[in-house]
N, C-alpha and C. Protein backbone atom coordinates (compact mmCIF):
# COMPACT_ATOMS: atom_id res chain seq x y z
N UNK A 1 98.55 93.33 119.64
CA UNK A 1 99.69 93.75 119.78
C UNK A 1 100.44 93.16 120.84
N UNK A 2 101.84 93.25 120.51
CA UNK A 2 102.67 92.71 121.80
C UNK A 2 103.43 93.94 122.38
N UNK A 3 104.45 93.67 123.18
CA UNK A 3 105.24 94.70 123.72
C UNK A 3 106.04 95.05 122.44
N UNK A 4 106.49 96.31 122.79
CA UNK A 4 107.39 97.05 121.63
C UNK A 4 108.63 96.44 121.63
N UNK A 5 109.02 95.93 120.46
CA UNK A 5 110.15 95.16 120.09
C UNK A 5 111.26 95.85 119.23
N UNK A 6 112.60 95.50 118.89
CA UNK A 6 113.35 96.25 118.18
C UNK A 6 113.54 94.87 116.99
N UNK A 7 113.40 95.23 115.66
CA UNK A 7 113.79 94.24 114.68
C UNK A 7 114.91 94.83 113.96
N UNK A 8 115.92 93.74 113.70
CA UNK A 8 116.99 94.20 112.73
C UNK A 8 116.73 93.38 111.48
N UNK A 9 116.53 94.30 110.22
CA UNK A 9 116.11 94.06 109.19
C UNK A 9 117.11 94.34 107.90
N UNK A 10 117.56 93.38 107.19
CA UNK A 10 118.24 93.65 105.94
C UNK A 10 117.49 93.85 104.95
N UNK A 11 117.85 94.93 104.15
CA UNK A 11 117.15 95.25 102.75
C UNK A 11 117.82 95.21 101.67
N UNK A 12 117.40 94.59 100.61
CA UNK A 12 118.30 94.65 99.42
C UNK A 12 117.37 94.51 97.99
N UNK A 13 118.12 95.30 96.98
CA UNK A 13 117.45 95.18 95.72
C UNK A 13 118.41 95.52 94.63
N UNK A 14 118.27 94.79 93.32
CA UNK A 14 119.43 94.77 92.66
C UNK A 14 119.12 95.64 91.43
N UNK A 15 118.15 96.48 91.45
CA UNK A 15 117.67 97.67 90.25
C UNK A 15 118.80 98.55 90.04
N UNK A 16 118.99 99.37 89.16
CA UNK A 16 119.63 100.08 88.76
C UNK A 16 120.13 101.44 89.70
N UNK A 17 119.07 101.60 90.67
CA UNK A 17 119.39 102.56 91.41
C UNK A 17 118.86 102.22 93.05
N UNK A 18 119.05 103.04 94.12
CA UNK A 18 118.49 102.74 95.30
C UNK A 18 117.26 103.23 95.53
N UNK A 19 116.32 103.53 94.77
CA UNK A 19 115.12 103.99 95.15
C UNK A 19 114.19 103.10 95.77
N UNK A 20 114.38 101.63 95.52
CA UNK A 20 113.31 100.92 96.16
C UNK A 20 113.66 100.78 97.70
N UNK A 21 114.87 100.85 97.82
CA UNK A 21 115.18 100.50 99.41
C UNK A 21 114.83 101.92 100.27
N UNK A 22 115.11 103.18 99.49
CA UNK A 22 114.62 104.32 100.28
C UNK A 22 112.73 104.17 100.55
N UNK A 23 112.24 103.66 99.50
CA UNK A 23 110.89 103.66 99.24
C UNK A 23 110.46 102.67 100.50
N UNK A 24 111.00 101.61 100.68
CA UNK A 24 110.83 100.62 101.64
C UNK A 24 111.06 101.19 102.91
N UNK A 25 112.02 101.78 103.29
CA UNK A 25 112.30 102.37 104.49
C UNK A 25 111.35 103.46 104.59
N UNK A 26 110.78 104.14 103.93
CA UNK A 26 109.90 105.23 104.20
C UNK A 26 108.50 104.50 104.50
N UNK A 27 108.04 103.21 103.86
CA UNK A 27 107.06 102.43 104.22
C UNK A 27 107.24 101.73 105.62
N UNK A 28 108.40 101.44 106.05
CA UNK A 28 108.60 100.66 107.38
C UNK A 28 108.43 101.97 108.36
N UNK A 29 108.65 103.06 108.24
CA UNK A 29 108.38 104.21 109.02
C UNK A 29 106.83 104.35 109.22
N UNK A 30 106.07 103.76 108.64
CA UNK A 30 104.49 103.84 108.60
C UNK A 30 104.17 102.89 109.96
N UNK A 31 105.39 101.76 110.05
CA UNK A 31 104.95 100.76 111.08
C UNK A 31 105.49 101.09 112.45
N UNK A 32 106.71 101.77 112.57
CA UNK A 32 107.21 102.50 113.59
C UNK A 32 108.66 103.14 113.64
N UNK A 33 109.39 103.84 114.29
CA UNK A 33 110.54 104.37 114.20
C UNK A 33 111.57 103.56 113.43
N UNK A 34 112.18 104.07 112.65
CA UNK A 34 113.38 103.34 111.80
C UNK A 34 114.59 104.16 112.00
N UNK A 35 115.61 103.54 112.35
CA UNK A 35 117.17 103.92 112.28
C UNK A 35 117.90 103.24 111.28
N UNK A 36 118.83 103.68 110.71
CA UNK A 36 119.98 103.00 109.51
C UNK A 36 121.23 103.16 110.34
N UNK A 37 121.62 102.09 110.94
CA UNK A 37 122.88 102.23 111.57
C UNK A 37 123.89 102.40 110.38
N UNK A 38 123.92 102.13 109.23
CA UNK A 38 125.25 102.33 108.22
C UNK A 38 124.39 102.94 107.14
N UNK A 39 125.17 103.84 106.42
CA UNK A 39 124.79 104.21 105.02
C UNK A 39 124.79 102.65 104.13
N UNK A 40 123.88 103.34 103.08
CA UNK A 40 123.35 102.16 102.01
C UNK A 40 124.84 101.75 101.55
N UNK A 41 124.68 100.57 101.04
CA UNK A 41 125.91 99.79 100.47
C UNK A 41 125.58 99.55 98.94
N UNK A 42 126.57 99.29 98.09
CA UNK A 42 126.28 98.79 96.75
C UNK A 42 127.48 97.59 96.61
N UNK A 43 127.21 96.45 96.14
CA UNK A 43 128.23 95.79 96.02
C UNK A 43 127.48 94.18 95.14
N UNK A 44 128.73 93.71 94.85
CA UNK A 44 128.28 92.25 93.80
C UNK A 44 127.39 91.41 94.43
N UNK A 45 126.91 90.55 93.58
CA UNK A 45 125.80 89.60 94.09
C UNK A 45 126.86 88.63 94.70
N UNK A 46 126.03 87.58 95.55
CA UNK A 46 126.69 86.60 96.20
C UNK A 46 127.67 85.65 95.31
N UNK A 47 126.66 85.32 94.28
CA UNK A 47 127.38 84.39 93.32
C UNK A 47 128.34 85.05 92.25
N UNK A 48 128.43 86.37 92.49
CA UNK A 48 129.42 86.75 91.57
C UNK A 48 129.02 87.29 90.46
N UNK A 49 128.01 86.64 89.80
CA UNK A 49 127.36 86.88 88.47
C UNK A 49 126.22 87.67 88.79
N UNK A 50 125.75 88.49 87.59
CA UNK A 50 124.34 89.14 87.64
C UNK A 50 124.70 90.65 88.18
N UNK A 51 123.34 91.40 88.42
CA UNK A 51 123.34 92.47 88.73
C UNK A 51 123.99 92.76 90.26
N UNK A 52 124.62 94.03 90.75
CA UNK A 52 125.13 94.49 91.70
C UNK A 52 123.65 94.84 92.68
N UNK A 53 123.83 94.63 94.16
CA UNK A 53 122.74 95.13 94.97
C UNK A 53 123.28 96.09 95.93
N UNK A 54 121.86 96.77 96.00
CA UNK A 54 121.94 97.91 97.36
C UNK A 54 121.42 97.15 98.46
N UNK A 55 122.21 97.30 99.33
CA UNK A 55 121.99 96.81 100.64
C UNK A 55 121.81 97.55 101.99
N UNK A 56 121.12 97.30 102.99
CA UNK A 56 121.02 98.28 103.77
C UNK A 56 120.57 97.54 105.20
N UNK A 57 121.18 97.80 106.39
CA UNK A 57 120.52 97.42 107.72
C UNK A 57 119.53 98.66 108.10
N UNK A 58 118.54 98.02 108.78
CA UNK A 58 117.79 98.97 109.32
C UNK A 58 117.00 98.55 110.78
N UNK A 59 116.67 99.07 111.63
CA UNK A 59 116.21 98.71 112.95
C UNK A 59 115.03 99.42 112.87
N UNK A 60 113.97 98.38 113.33
CA UNK A 60 112.69 99.14 113.35
C UNK A 60 111.90 98.80 114.83
N UNK A 61 111.59 99.47 115.35
CA UNK A 61 110.79 99.55 116.73
C UNK A 61 109.42 99.41 116.55
N UNK A 62 108.51 98.62 116.94
CA UNK A 62 107.36 98.45 116.72
C UNK A 62 106.91 97.15 117.62
N UNK A 63 105.18 97.37 117.70
CA UNK A 63 104.75 96.48 118.81
C UNK A 63 103.80 95.46 118.05
N UNK A 64 104.09 95.46 116.86
CA UNK A 64 103.34 94.05 115.91
C UNK A 64 104.06 92.73 116.37
N UNK A 65 102.97 91.89 116.50
CA UNK A 65 103.55 90.46 116.67
C UNK A 65 104.17 89.85 115.58
N UNK A 66 104.87 88.78 115.52
CA UNK A 66 105.45 88.21 114.36
C UNK A 66 104.82 88.05 113.19
N UNK A 67 103.47 87.38 113.55
CA UNK A 67 102.89 87.29 112.07
C UNK A 67 102.33 88.48 111.39
N UNK A 68 102.02 89.66 112.31
CA UNK A 68 101.33 91.15 111.72
C UNK A 68 102.64 91.65 111.05
N UNK A 69 104.03 91.59 111.60
CA UNK A 69 105.11 92.17 111.13
C UNK A 69 105.61 91.50 110.06
N UNK A 70 105.57 89.88 109.61
CA UNK A 70 105.75 89.44 108.46
C UNK A 70 104.83 89.67 107.50
N UNK A 71 103.58 89.94 107.77
CA UNK A 71 102.33 90.26 106.66
C UNK A 71 102.70 91.66 106.33
N UNK A 72 103.17 92.76 107.25
CA UNK A 72 103.42 94.26 106.92
C UNK A 72 105.06 94.16 105.86
N UNK A 73 105.83 93.38 106.18
CA UNK A 73 106.88 93.40 105.42
C UNK A 73 106.48 92.66 104.22
N UNK A 74 105.81 91.70 104.03
CA UNK A 74 105.24 90.90 102.46
C UNK A 74 104.44 92.22 102.06
N UNK A 75 103.60 92.65 102.32
CA UNK A 75 102.76 93.99 101.99
C UNK A 75 103.68 95.07 101.22
N UNK A 76 104.66 95.50 101.88
CA UNK A 76 105.85 96.21 101.63
C UNK A 76 106.34 95.69 100.10
N UNK A 77 106.93 94.67 100.47
CA UNK A 77 107.52 94.16 99.22
C UNK A 77 106.62 93.85 98.07
N UNK A 78 105.77 93.51 98.32
CA UNK A 78 104.51 93.39 97.30
C UNK A 78 104.25 94.65 96.45
N UNK A 79 104.12 95.50 97.13
CA UNK A 79 103.69 97.03 96.96
C UNK A 79 104.76 97.65 95.81
N UNK A 80 106.07 97.32 96.48
CA UNK A 80 107.18 98.00 95.63
C UNK A 80 107.88 96.91 94.52
N UNK A 81 106.95 95.92 94.35
CA UNK A 81 107.52 95.08 92.89
C UNK A 81 107.99 93.71 93.05
N UNK A 82 107.96 93.24 94.48
CA UNK A 82 109.05 92.09 94.59
C UNK A 82 108.07 90.91 93.87
N UNK A 83 108.81 90.14 93.41
CA UNK A 83 108.60 88.95 92.68
C UNK A 83 109.46 87.94 93.00
N UNK A 84 108.95 86.59 92.93
CA UNK A 84 109.84 85.42 93.42
C UNK A 84 110.43 84.72 92.23
N UNK A 85 110.36 85.34 91.11
CA UNK A 85 110.67 84.57 90.02
C UNK A 85 112.23 85.38 89.25
N UNK A 86 112.74 84.95 88.74
CA UNK A 86 113.65 85.75 87.69
C UNK A 86 114.91 86.32 88.52
N UNK A 87 115.69 86.74 87.83
CA UNK A 87 116.94 87.45 88.59
C UNK A 87 116.63 89.04 89.21
N UNK A 88 115.78 89.46 88.56
CA UNK A 88 115.55 91.06 88.97
C UNK A 88 114.75 91.06 90.76
N UNK A 89 115.65 91.59 91.56
CA UNK A 89 115.18 91.92 92.97
C UNK A 89 114.70 93.37 93.30
N UNK A 90 113.55 93.42 93.18
CA UNK A 90 113.13 94.80 93.38
C UNK A 90 113.40 95.39 94.69
N UNK A 91 112.85 94.47 95.59
CA UNK A 91 112.99 94.71 96.74
C UNK A 91 113.19 93.10 97.74
N UNK A 92 113.85 93.17 98.82
CA UNK A 92 113.72 91.88 99.64
C UNK A 92 114.00 92.16 100.98
N UNK A 93 113.13 92.06 101.63
CA UNK A 93 113.28 92.66 103.60
C UNK A 93 113.37 91.34 104.10
N UNK A 94 114.40 91.22 104.68
CA UNK A 94 114.55 89.94 105.59
C UNK A 94 114.74 90.58 106.93
N UNK A 95 114.37 89.78 108.11
CA UNK A 95 114.28 89.83 109.64
C UNK A 95 115.70 89.39 109.67
N UNK A 96 116.52 89.68 110.62
CA UNK A 96 117.78 89.20 110.74
C UNK A 96 117.86 88.84 112.29
N UNK A 97 117.24 89.93 113.06
CA UNK A 97 117.25 89.39 114.62
C UNK A 97 116.29 90.43 115.46
N UNK A 98 115.94 90.39 116.46
CA UNK A 98 115.17 90.70 117.08
C UNK A 98 115.40 91.16 118.76
N UNK A 99 115.09 92.08 119.33
CA UNK A 99 115.49 92.47 120.82
C UNK A 99 114.07 93.03 121.24
N UNK A 100 114.19 92.37 122.61
CA UNK A 100 113.03 92.63 123.36
C UNK A 100 112.80 94.41 123.82
N UNK A 101 113.87 94.78 123.79
CA UNK A 101 113.79 96.27 124.29
C UNK A 101 115.23 96.96 123.75
N UNK A 102 115.06 98.74 123.74
CA UNK A 102 116.41 99.16 123.31
C UNK A 102 117.36 98.73 124.29
N UNK A 103 118.56 98.31 124.14
CA UNK A 103 119.69 97.67 124.82
C UNK A 103 119.69 96.68 125.14
N UNK A 104 118.52 95.54 124.64
CA UNK A 104 118.92 94.01 124.91
C UNK A 104 119.52 93.54 123.98
N UNK A 105 119.85 92.40 124.34
CA UNK A 105 120.82 91.77 123.36
C UNK A 105 120.00 91.40 122.18
N UNK A 106 120.50 91.32 120.88
CA UNK A 106 119.88 90.82 119.58
C UNK A 106 119.81 89.26 119.64
N UNK A 107 118.82 88.49 119.21
CA UNK A 107 118.52 87.22 118.98
C UNK A 107 118.23 86.99 117.74
N UNK A 108 119.12 85.91 117.05
CA UNK A 108 118.63 85.67 115.72
C UNK A 108 117.38 85.38 115.24
N UNK A 109 116.83 85.95 114.15
CA UNK A 109 115.46 85.29 113.73
C UNK A 109 115.63 84.04 113.22
N UNK A 110 114.51 83.15 113.54
CA UNK A 110 114.88 81.88 112.85
C UNK A 110 114.83 81.68 111.32
N UNK A 111 114.38 82.61 110.69
CA UNK A 111 114.49 82.66 109.20
C UNK A 111 115.73 83.04 108.82
N UNK A 112 116.58 83.70 109.48
CA UNK A 112 117.79 84.27 109.25
C UNK A 112 118.91 83.03 109.39
N UNK A 113 118.62 82.26 110.50
CA UNK A 113 119.44 81.29 110.83
C UNK A 113 119.10 80.20 109.73
N UNK A 114 117.91 79.85 109.56
CA UNK A 114 117.69 78.74 108.41
C UNK A 114 118.13 79.15 107.15
N UNK A 115 118.37 80.41 106.72
CA UNK A 115 119.22 80.64 105.32
C UNK A 115 120.63 80.71 105.67
N UNK A 116 121.07 80.92 106.70
CA UNK A 116 122.33 81.32 107.07
C UNK A 116 122.85 82.75 106.56
N UNK A 117 121.89 83.41 106.70
CA UNK A 117 121.85 84.76 106.32
C UNK A 117 123.01 85.57 107.14
N UNK A 118 123.22 85.29 108.38
CA UNK A 118 124.04 85.87 109.39
C UNK A 118 125.47 85.43 109.12
N UNK A 119 125.66 84.57 108.48
CA UNK A 119 127.21 84.04 108.28
C UNK A 119 127.63 84.44 106.80
N UNK A 120 127.11 85.19 105.80
CA UNK A 120 127.53 85.33 104.69
C UNK A 120 127.24 86.71 104.15
N UNK A 121 127.99 87.13 103.10
CA UNK A 121 127.64 88.52 102.35
C UNK A 121 125.97 88.68 101.88
N UNK A 122 125.46 89.63 102.25
CA UNK A 122 126.10 91.07 102.60
C UNK A 122 125.88 91.24 104.17
N UNK A 123 124.91 90.45 104.56
CA UNK A 123 124.80 90.71 106.17
C UNK A 123 125.94 90.68 107.05
N UNK A 124 126.63 89.65 106.91
CA UNK A 124 127.86 89.37 107.79
C UNK A 124 128.80 90.96 107.73
N UNK A 125 128.92 91.17 106.58
CA UNK A 125 129.72 92.61 106.39
C UNK A 125 129.13 93.79 106.99
N UNK A 126 127.86 94.07 106.81
CA UNK A 126 127.23 94.91 107.28
C UNK A 126 127.11 94.82 108.82
N UNK A 127 126.90 93.68 109.64
CA UNK A 127 126.94 93.66 110.70
C UNK A 127 128.26 93.81 111.49
N UNK A 128 129.27 93.34 110.73
CA UNK A 128 130.50 93.51 111.20
C UNK A 128 130.73 95.16 111.36
N UNK A 129 130.71 95.77 110.29
CA UNK A 129 131.01 97.32 109.81
C UNK A 129 130.09 97.98 111.13
N UNK A 130 128.86 97.63 111.16
CA UNK A 130 127.75 98.45 112.03
C UNK A 130 128.28 97.97 113.84
N UNK A 131 129.10 97.16 113.86
CA UNK A 131 129.50 96.89 115.49
C UNK A 131 128.13 96.18 116.13
N UNK A 132 126.81 95.72 115.27
CA UNK A 132 126.10 94.82 115.76
C UNK A 132 126.28 93.55 116.00
N UNK A 133 126.02 93.05 117.32
CA UNK A 133 126.50 91.82 117.39
C UNK A 133 125.16 90.88 117.82
N UNK A 134 124.83 89.87 117.03
CA UNK A 134 123.88 88.94 117.55
C UNK A 134 124.30 87.88 118.29
N UNK A 135 123.48 87.37 119.51
CA UNK A 135 123.86 86.59 120.33
C UNK A 135 123.44 85.19 119.93
N UNK A 136 124.03 84.06 120.14
CA UNK A 136 123.90 82.53 119.58
C UNK A 136 124.45 82.43 118.46
């Protein structure tokens, strides 16, 4: 394990209710303390077509290294029915940013940069509404 860090996560589900988001948040709490800076949101898909999504930001404090945290997130997604095919997304958990300690500046996560996640819906809107700023 490494020193405790803060991880900013984006959770999403396009199931008919928000139960998978709630379940994911509870499973994340088994890894470390979780804060939710905004209430859950419900909005249209990026493409404008298909099922609407439930989305939430979560701040997870934990000492897992990157590989262990990625494995833990993948295990939560799998447990909650994540599939990488089709239009149904039972749960998706993306790492948006990391901060080395409480009060430290948020740095974008490389995966979020590669996907352009920080500059498009729903992440951009949630970040703006929460007042969370990501450096760089």
